[in-house]
Protein backbone atom coordinates (compact mmCIF):
# COMPACT_ATOMS: atom_id res chain seq x y z
CA UNK A 1 19.79 142.00 -109.93
CA UNK A 2 22.81 140.41 -110.27
CA UNK A 3 22.15 136.02 -109.89
CA UNK A 4 25.68 135.65 -107.63
CA UNK A 5 27.18 136.79 -104.70
CA UNK A 6 29.04 139.43 -103.48
CA UNK A 7 31.39 139.38 -100.76
CA UNK A 8 27.96 142.50 -99.03
CA UNK A 9 25.39 140.55 -100.98
CA UNK A 10 23.35 137.32 -101.95
CA UNK A 11 22.12 137.19 -105.34
CA UNK A 12 19.24 136.22 -107.10
CA UNK A 13 19.90 132.26 -107.25
CA UNK A 14 20.93 132.28 -103.71
CA UNK A 15 17.74 134.04 -102.52
CA UNK A 16 15.73 131.96 -104.66
CA UNK A 17 17.21 128.28 -103.51
CA UNK A 18 16.77 130.11 -99.77
CA UNK A 19 12.84 131.23 -100.07
CA UNK A 20 12.58 128.05 -102.09
CA UNK A 21 13.44 125.22 -99.53
CA UNK A 22 11.70 127.36 -97.02
CA UNK A 23 8.46 126.67 -98.80
CA UNK A 24 9.05 123.24 -98.78
CA UNK A 25 9.82 122.40 -95.21
CA UNK A 26 7.30 124.59 -93.71
CA UNK A 27 5.02 122.11 -96.16
CA UNK A 28 6.90 118.91 -95.89
CA UNK A 29 7.53 118.61 -91.86
CA UNK A 30 3.39 119.52 -91.09
CA UNK A 31 2.31 117.25 -93.84
CA UNK A 32 4.33 114.31 -92.88
CA UNK A 33 2.80 114.66 -89.47
CA UNK A 34 -0.54 115.04 -90.52
CA UNK A 35 0.59 111.83 -92.33
CA UNK A 36 1.54 109.85 -89.87
CA UNK A 37 -1.03 110.55 -87.56
CA UNK A 38 -4.45 110.28 -89.70
CA UNK A 39 -6.01 107.10 -89.26
CA UNK A 40 -6.67 103.87 -91.79
CA UNK A 41 -9.93 102.15 -90.75
CA UNK A 42 -11.03 102.21 -93.73
CA UNK A 43 -10.51 101.68 -97.61
CA UNK A 44 -11.28 105.76 -97.47
CA UNK A 45 -8.85 107.09 -94.74
CA UNK A 46 -6.17 104.51 -96.23
CA UNK A 47 -6.12 106.61 -99.77
CA UNK A 48 -6.23 109.77 -97.68
CA UNK A 49 -3.60 108.58 -96.01
CA UNK A 50 -0.76 106.95 -98.61
CA UNK A 51 -1.88 109.77 -100.82
CA UNK A 52 -0.59 112.32 -98.25
CA UNK A 53 2.28 110.49 -97.57
CA UNK A 54 3.07 110.58 -101.12
CA UNK A 55 2.56 114.38 -101.63
CA UNK A 56 5.32 114.28 -98.13
CA UNK A 57 7.73 111.73 -99.69
CA UNK A 58 7.42 114.04 -102.77
CA UNK A 59 8.45 116.69 -101.75
CA UNK A 60 11.24 115.11 -99.63
CA UNK A 61 12.77 114.06 -102.82
CA UNK A 62 12.56 117.39 -104.44
CA UNK A 63 13.85 119.15 -101.36
CA UNK A 64 16.80 116.07 -101.09
CA UNK A 65 17.64 117.72 -104.48
CA UNK A 66 16.93 121.76 -104.18
CA UNK A 67 19.69 120.72 -101.14
CA UNK A 68 22.29 119.72 -103.57
CA UNK A 69 21.76 122.28 -105.74
CA UNK A 70 22.09 124.76 -103.15
CA UNK A 71 25.39 123.18 -101.32
CA UNK A 72 26.71 123.00 -105.12
CA UNK A 73 25.67 126.66 -105.52
CA UNK A 74 27.08 127.70 -102.36
CA UNK A 75 30.30 126.43 -102.59
CA UNK A 76 31.24 128.20 -106.24
CA UNK A 77 30.05 131.50 -104.04
CA UNK A 78 31.21 134.08 -102.36
CA UNK A 79 29.47 133.91 -98.50
CA UNK A 80 28.43 137.96 -97.78
CA UNK A 81 30.46 139.08 -95.09
CA UNK A 82 28.45 139.21 -91.64
CA UNK A 83 27.13 142.47 -90.49
CA UNK A 84 28.44 142.34 -86.58
CA UNK A 85 31.91 140.61 -87.10
CA UNK A 86 32.46 141.79 -83.46
CA UNK A 87 29.63 139.51 -81.90
CA UNK A 88 31.58 136.24 -82.25
CA UNK A 89 29.22 134.11 -80.07
CA UNK A 90 26.50 135.03 -82.37
CA UNK A 91 28.44 134.78 -85.51
CA UNK A 92 30.03 131.58 -84.02
CA UNK A 93 25.88 129.88 -82.96
CA UNK A 94 25.50 131.23 -86.95
CA UNK A 95 27.73 129.40 -88.76
CA UNK A 96 26.88 126.30 -86.29
CA UNK A 97 23.20 126.75 -87.05
CA UNK A 98 23.77 127.42 -90.98
CA UNK A 99 25.87 123.47 -90.85
CA UNK A 100 22.85 121.82 -89.18
CA UNK A 101 20.08 123.45 -91.70
CA UNK A 102 22.73 122.19 -94.74
CA UNK A 103 23.04 118.56 -93.29
CA UNK A 104 19.85 117.59 -92.07
CA UNK A 105 18.12 119.20 -95.40
CA UNK A 106 20.85 116.23 -97.20
CA UNK A 107 19.96 113.32 -94.73
CA UNK A 108 16.15 113.86 -93.55
CA UNK A 109 14.78 113.17 -97.11
CA UNK A 110 17.53 110.62 -98.37
CA UNK A 111 17.17 108.65 -94.82
CA UNK A 112 12.93 108.67 -95.21
CA UNK A 113 13.47 108.01 -99.35
CA UNK A 114 15.89 105.08 -98.91
CA UNK A 115 13.13 103.56 -95.68
CA UNK A 116 11.12 103.95 -98.81
CA UNK A 117 13.60 102.09 -101.00
CA UNK A 118 13.81 99.61 -98.50
CA UNK A 119 10.39 98.63 -97.83
CA UNK A 120 7.71 97.86 -100.29
CA UNK A 121 3.83 98.51 -101.42
CA UNK A 122 2.56 101.70 -98.81
CA UNK A 123 2.29 106.11 -100.44
CA UNK A 124 4.53 105.49 -103.89
CA UNK A 125 6.95 108.52 -104.35
CA UNK A 126 4.76 110.36 -107.59
CA UNK A 127 7.24 111.24 -110.05
CA UNK A 128 7.65 108.54 -112.69
CA UNK A 129 11.69 107.59 -112.43
CA UNK A 130 10.50 104.27 -110.14
CA UNK A 131 10.70 103.72 -106.68
CA UNK A 132 13.84 102.36 -105.64
CA UNK A 133 17.31 103.49 -105.42
CA UNK A 134 20.71 101.77 -106.12
CA UNK A 135 22.28 99.10 -103.63
CA UNK A 136 19.33 100.18 -101.03
CA UNK A 137 17.68 96.01 -100.89
CA UNK A 138 14.31 95.18 -99.29
CA UNK A 139 15.10 95.11 -96.02
CA UNK A 140 12.60 95.10 -92.42
CA UNK A 141 16.49 95.57 -90.85
CA UNK A 142 17.26 98.84 -93.22
CA UNK A 143 14.17 99.96 -93.30
CA UNK A 144 14.21 100.19 -89.63
CA UNK A 145 17.66 101.92 -89.34
CA UNK A 146 16.50 104.58 -92.11
CA UNK A 147 13.64 105.34 -90.08
CA UNK A 148 15.23 105.97 -87.08
CA UNK A 149 17.59 108.01 -88.77
CA UNK A 150 14.54 109.95 -90.22
CA UNK A 151 12.98 110.45 -86.98
CA UNK A 152 15.63 111.52 -84.79
CA UNK A 153 16.75 114.06 -87.65
CA UNK A 154 13.60 115.60 -88.32
CA UNK A 155 13.77 116.91 -84.77
CA UNK A 156 17.11 118.30 -85.54
CA UNK A 157 16.04 120.18 -88.61
CA UNK A 158 12.71 121.66 -86.84
CA UNK A 159 15.82 122.70 -84.02
CA UNK A 160 18.23 124.27 -86.55
CA UNK A 161 15.16 125.77 -88.40
CA UNK A 162 13.85 126.91 -85.13
CA UNK A 163 17.25 128.97 -84.17
CA UNK A 164 17.85 130.32 -87.85
CA UNK A 165 14.50 132.28 -87.21
CA UNK A 166 14.95 133.10 -84.50
CA UNK A 167 18.12 135.29 -84.87
CA UNK A 168 16.48 136.61 -88.37
CA UNK A 169 13.77 138.40 -86.16
CA UNK A 170 16.54 139.05 -83.41
CA UNK A 171 18.11 141.17 -86.22
CA UNK A 172 14.24 142.33 -87.69
CA UNK A 173 13.24 143.55 -84.29
CA UNK A 174 16.69 143.88 -82.07
CA UNK A 175 19.06 144.94 -83.99
CA UNK A 176 17.31 146.49 -87.19
CA UNK A 177 20.16 145.47 -89.70
CA UNK A 178 19.91 144.82 -93.31
CA UNK A 179 20.43 141.00 -92.14
CA UNK A 180 16.88 140.84 -93.81
CA UNK A 181 16.54 143.11 -96.63
CA UNK A 182 20.49 140.61 -98.19
CA UNK A 183 17.87 137.81 -98.45
CA UNK A 184 14.62 139.19 -99.35
CA UNK A 185 15.85 141.91 -102.07
CA UNK A 186 19.24 140.98 -102.13
CA UNK A 187 20.34 144.93 -100.49
CA UNK A 188 24.18 145.46 -99.67
CA UNK A 189 25.37 145.37 -96.17
CA UNK A 190 28.40 144.58 -94.01
CA UNK A 191 31.98 145.06 -94.22
CA UNK A 192 33.22 143.13 -97.29
CA UNK A 193 36.50 142.39 -95.23
CA UNK A 194 34.92 140.63 -92.36
CA UNK A 195 35.47 136.54 -92.99
CA UNK A 196 33.57 133.73 -91.67
CA UNK A 197 35.04 131.20 -89.65
CA UNK A 198 34.43 126.93 -91.09
CA UNK A 199 36.20 124.44 -88.81
CA UNK A 200 34.63 124.87 -84.89
CA UNK A 201 31.04 125.33 -86.04
CA UNK A 202 31.50 122.54 -88.33
CA UNK A 203 32.91 120.41 -85.31
CA UNK A 204 29.75 121.26 -83.02
CA UNK A 205 27.59 120.31 -85.88
CA UNK A 206 29.12 117.05 -86.29
CA UNK A 207 29.13 117.14 -82.48
CA UNK A 208 25.50 117.55 -82.50
CA UNK A 209 25.07 114.65 -85.06
CA UNK A 210 26.75 112.56 -82.94
CA UNK A 211 24.93 113.44 -79.88
CA UNK A 212 21.68 112.67 -81.81
CA UNK A 213 22.47 109.79 -82.90
CA UNK A 214 24.51 108.42 -79.87
CA UNK A 215 21.09 109.38 -78.16
CA UNK A 216 18.71 107.81 -80.44
CA UNK A 217 21.08 104.60 -79.95
CA UNK A 218 20.79 104.13 -75.79
CA UNK A 219 17.22 104.80 -76.10
CA UNK A 220 16.85 101.35 -78.37
CA UNK A 221 16.03 102.96 -81.44
CA UNK A 222 18.52 101.15 -83.40
CA UNK A 223 18.48 98.23 -81.76
CA UNK A 224 16.78 95.05 -83.34
CA UNK A 225 14.48 93.69 -81.47
CA UNK A 226 14.88 89.65 -81.23
CA UNK A 227 13.40 87.41 -84.09
CA UNK A 228 11.06 84.56 -82.81
CA UNK A 229 13.23 81.51 -81.94
CA UNK A 230 13.23 79.24 -84.92
CA UNK A 231 12.34 75.64 -84.22
CA UNK A 232 14.13 72.80 -84.67
CA UNK A 233 12.23 70.10 -87.26
CA UNK A 234 12.97 66.73 -86.91
CA UNK A 235 14.42 64.97 -90.43
CA UNK A 236 11.82 63.64 -92.41
CA UNK A 237 11.13 59.51 -92.40
CA UNK A 238 10.03 58.19 -95.51
CA UNK A 239 11.10 56.32 -98.74
CA UNK A 240 11.44 59.73 -100.86
CA UNK A 241 13.32 62.11 -99.76
CA UNK A 242 13.15 65.98 -100.52
CA UNK A 243 16.60 66.70 -102.95
CA UNK A 244 15.53 70.26 -103.01
CA UNK A 245 12.07 72.49 -103.47
CA UNK A 246 10.45 76.01 -102.47
CA UNK A 247 7.47 76.90 -100.53
CA UNK A 248 6.27 79.89 -101.06
CA UNK A 249 3.21 82.77 -100.83
CA UNK A 250 1.91 85.66 -102.69
CA UNK A 251 -0.49 88.19 -101.35
CA UNK A 252 -1.77 91.41 -102.66
CA UNK A 253 -1.22 94.52 -100.38
CA UNK A 254 -1.39 98.43 -100.69
CA UNK A 255 -2.59 97.52 -104.76
CA UNK A 256 0.75 95.19 -104.71
CA UNK A 257 2.13 91.80 -105.03
CA UNK A 258 4.40 90.68 -102.43
CA UNK A 259 5.93 87.15 -102.42
CA UNK A 260 7.87 85.48 -99.71
CA UNK A 261 9.06 82.18 -98.95
CA UNK A 262 9.67 79.98 -95.84
CA UNK A 263 13.37 78.65 -95.22
CA UNK A 264 13.05 75.90 -93.38
CA UNK A 265 10.02 72.54 -94.22
CA UNK A 266 10.23 69.07 -93.89
CA UNK A 267 7.66 66.89 -96.58
CA UNK A 268 7.35 63.42 -95.42
CA UNK A 269 6.34 60.88 -98.26
CA UNK A 270 4.33 58.08 -98.48
CA UNK A 271 3.85 57.80 -102.37
CA UNK A 272 3.10 54.63 -105.11
CA UNK A 273 2.47 55.90 -108.56
CA UNK A 274 -1.29 54.43 -110.64
CA UNK A 275 -2.43 54.81 -113.38
CA UNK A 276 -6.64 54.77 -111.75
CA UNK A 277 -8.17 57.16 -109.67
CA UNK A 278 -7.68 56.48 -105.82
CA UNK A 279 -5.44 57.35 -103.14
CA UNK A 280 -1.91 57.07 -104.28
CA UNK A 281 -0.23 57.80 -100.39
CA UNK A 282 0.38 60.21 -97.60
CA UNK A 283 2.39 63.21 -97.27
CA UNK A 284 2.93 65.37 -94.13
CA UNK A 285 4.60 68.66 -94.28
CA UNK A 286 6.25 70.45 -91.52
CA UNK A 287 7.15 74.25 -91.73
CA UNK A 288 9.10 76.34 -89.34
CA UNK A 289 7.12 79.93 -89.61
CA UNK A 290 10.04 81.82 -87.85
CA UNK A 291 12.03 81.37 -91.24
CA UNK A 292 9.29 83.07 -93.50
CA UNK A 293 10.50 85.71 -95.28
CA UNK A 294 8.13 88.21 -96.56
CA UNK A 295 10.00 91.21 -98.51
CA UNK A 296 10.40 93.96 -96.66
CA UNK A 297 7.48 93.09 -94.16
CA UNK A 298 8.66 89.87 -93.10
CA UNK A 299 9.03 91.18 -88.76
CA UNK A 300 5.17 92.70 -89.27
CA UNK A 301 4.42 89.01 -90.91
CA UNK A 302 5.70 87.22 -87.79
CA UNK A 303 4.02 89.84 -85.26
CA UNK A 304 1.21 88.56 -83.60
CA UNK A 305 -1.84 90.33 -85.43
CA UNK A 306 -0.77 87.77 -88.25
CA UNK A 307 1.43 84.59 -88.17
CA UNK A 308 2.18 84.71 -84.25
CA UNK A 309 5.72 83.05 -84.59
CA UNK A 310 6.25 83.11 -81.65
CA UNK A 311 3.13 81.08 -79.73
CA UNK A 312 2.60 79.07 -83.33
CA UNK A 313 5.91 78.22 -84.02
CA UNK A 314 5.41 75.69 -86.70
CA UNK A 315 2.59 74.62 -89.23
CA UNK A 316 1.61 71.22 -90.30
CA UNK A 317 -0.47 69.97 -93.69
CA UNK A 318 -1.39 66.58 -93.32
CA UNK A 319 -3.14 64.92 -96.50
CA UNK A 320 -4.17 61.94 -98.38
CA UNK A 321 -2.29 61.79 -102.45
CA UNK A 322 -5.01 61.10 -104.60
CA UNK A 323 -5.35 60.46 -107.88
CA UNK A 324 -7.54 61.87 -110.08
CA UNK A 325 -9.36 61.56 -113.34
CA UNK A 326 -6.30 64.77 -114.50
CA UNK A 327 -3.74 64.37 -112.30
CA UNK A 328 -3.00 64.32 -108.59
CA UNK A 329 -4.39 66.50 -105.70
CA UNK A 330 -3.02 66.30 -101.61
CA UNK A 331 -6.67 66.34 -99.83
CA UNK A 332 -6.27 67.76 -95.79
CA UNK A 333 -6.11 70.44 -93.25
CA UNK A 334 -3.35 72.39 -92.49
CA UNK A 335 -2.93 73.62 -88.68
CA UNK A 336 -2.15 76.91 -88.59
CA UNK A 337 -2.06 79.48 -85.71
CA UNK A 338 -4.47 77.26 -83.46
CA UNK A 339 -6.49 76.91 -86.68
CA UNK A 340 -6.69 73.57 -88.87
CA UNK A 341 -8.99 73.87 -91.95
CA UNK A 342 -9.46 71.67 -95.02
CA UNK A 343 -7.34 72.29 -97.52
CA UNK A 344 -6.91 70.90 -101.18
CA UNK A 345 -3.90 71.24 -102.76
CA UNK A 346 -4.09 69.92 -107.00
CA UNK A 347 -0.44 69.90 -108.98
CA UNK A 348 1.66 68.58 -111.94
CA UNK A 349 3.61 65.21 -110.80
CA UNK A 350 6.58 64.34 -113.37
CA UNK A 351 8.57 60.54 -113.02
CA UNK A 352 11.15 59.94 -114.50
CA UNK A 353 12.65 56.17 -112.41
CA UNK A 354 13.00 56.49 -108.94
CA UNK A 355 12.97 60.95 -109.27
CA UNK A 356 9.27 62.52 -108.63
CA UNK A 357 9.15 66.02 -109.71
CA UNK A 358 5.88 67.90 -108.68
CA UNK A 359 4.89 71.70 -108.65
CA UNK A 360 1.14 72.84 -107.13
CA UNK A 361 -0.65 75.60 -105.51
CA UNK A 362 -3.68 77.03 -104.14
CA UNK A 363 -5.55 79.62 -102.43
CA UNK A 364 -5.62 80.24 -98.71
CA UNK A 365 -8.20 82.49 -97.08
CA UNK A 366 -6.09 83.88 -94.31
CA UNK A 367 -8.97 84.87 -92.05
CA UNK A 368 -9.82 81.42 -91.69
CA UNK A 369 -6.22 81.76 -89.39
CA UNK A 370 -7.18 85.05 -87.97
CA UNK A 371 -4.38 86.52 -90.28
CA UNK A 372 -3.91 90.12 -90.49
CA UNK A 373 -7.29 90.62 -88.11
CA UNK A 374 -6.76 94.08 -87.97
CA UNK A 375 -6.53 94.46 -91.63
CA UNK A 376 -10.30 94.15 -92.35
CA UNK A 377 -10.06 95.25 -95.64
CA UNK A 378 -9.19 93.72 -98.71
CA UNK A 379 -7.27 96.63 -100.44
CA UNK A 380 -5.35 96.55 -97.05
CA UNK A 381 -3.95 93.10 -97.58
CA UNK A 382 -6.05 90.87 -99.84
CA UNK A 383 -8.66 87.80 -98.34
CA UNK A 384 -6.74 85.13 -100.82
CA UNK A 385 -2.89 83.86 -99.77
CA UNK A 386 -1.56 81.71 -103.03
CA UNK A 387 0.57 78.84 -101.65
CA UNK A 388 2.89 77.79 -104.43
CA UNK A 389 5.12 74.38 -103.72
CA UNK A 390 7.82 72.66 -105.91
CA UNK A 391 10.11 69.91 -105.25
CA UNK A 392 12.19 67.42 -106.38
CA UNK A 393 12.34 63.88 -104.12
CA UNK A 394 14.23 60.96 -104.86
CA UNK A 395 13.13 57.23 -103.48
CA UNK A 396 15.42 54.83 -101.80
């Protein structure tokens, strides 16, 4: 049994790669659909859905590398001659379908892998080599684009596979020739002198891809939705001016910590240092909610079920600055998404002349603000959201 191809027969390597690929496709595609349609209302359902997606992704990555090996092997081997060289239209269609199969076997899993690498926290690939890809950042936009390519290309794969199977059945049932025997047993068939057309089938396959992606673009699959309009915050009028600072949040989604921050916020501070317990000043913080970045879930976080940034574009924290026995804290209320809830923010303060540096953190319960009500299980999305504040301010 020859490992390599000849001009009239497929070798053992080609046949093994062919049937391994076929098996992977027959598992991967239905598994992806089942995972997509699976419910996730409870912790058990979510765990099942995540496991299904993990297996789907793992098979997809395996198929990607298998496809690369298969393509490299095919480039190094002679391709057995067509059994019916006189049937030009049929051979032209077969060559085109082969180009589509090879290209989709690379693009379908690769686009899914890019989508996975550009997102955070759900259904890991089951291997020890990490979840990221070089040059692929965490990005909502990139993930959405890759997801659209993945969605469209899967249907091209299904169509090409259906045509490939239909052609094989024709050879078995109608032609009764040796096409299937060549791929099953390595049987020799055909005339070595018959050749294959390459350029025109390749151009038709490229045209099919162009039509697919162009149709997807025309249907709006690659269009980015308009982000909520960012409110223009008024400059804070106070003796203390913030020269630098960060306002961040962190939470746990699907067992993985996700960190984010607000790019635009102001702090109006009235403060006099004191050594004894009592009121030391007041602070009002205005936050532009649409400026939140939260990894690959930023767009979801700004949606109606979470921060509802379009309807509630700002949040306000108004508090008294109090000196306690062990340090300072801001006691007040945070108004967010139409709810006003008491909040205490303890912080450390360092004073050097007219410059103050503070760092503080507190924990909010997202349920108090009706954030993520559809995710009622803390295993899906933690109830606790940690808020971290750090700033430097100077007195004028």
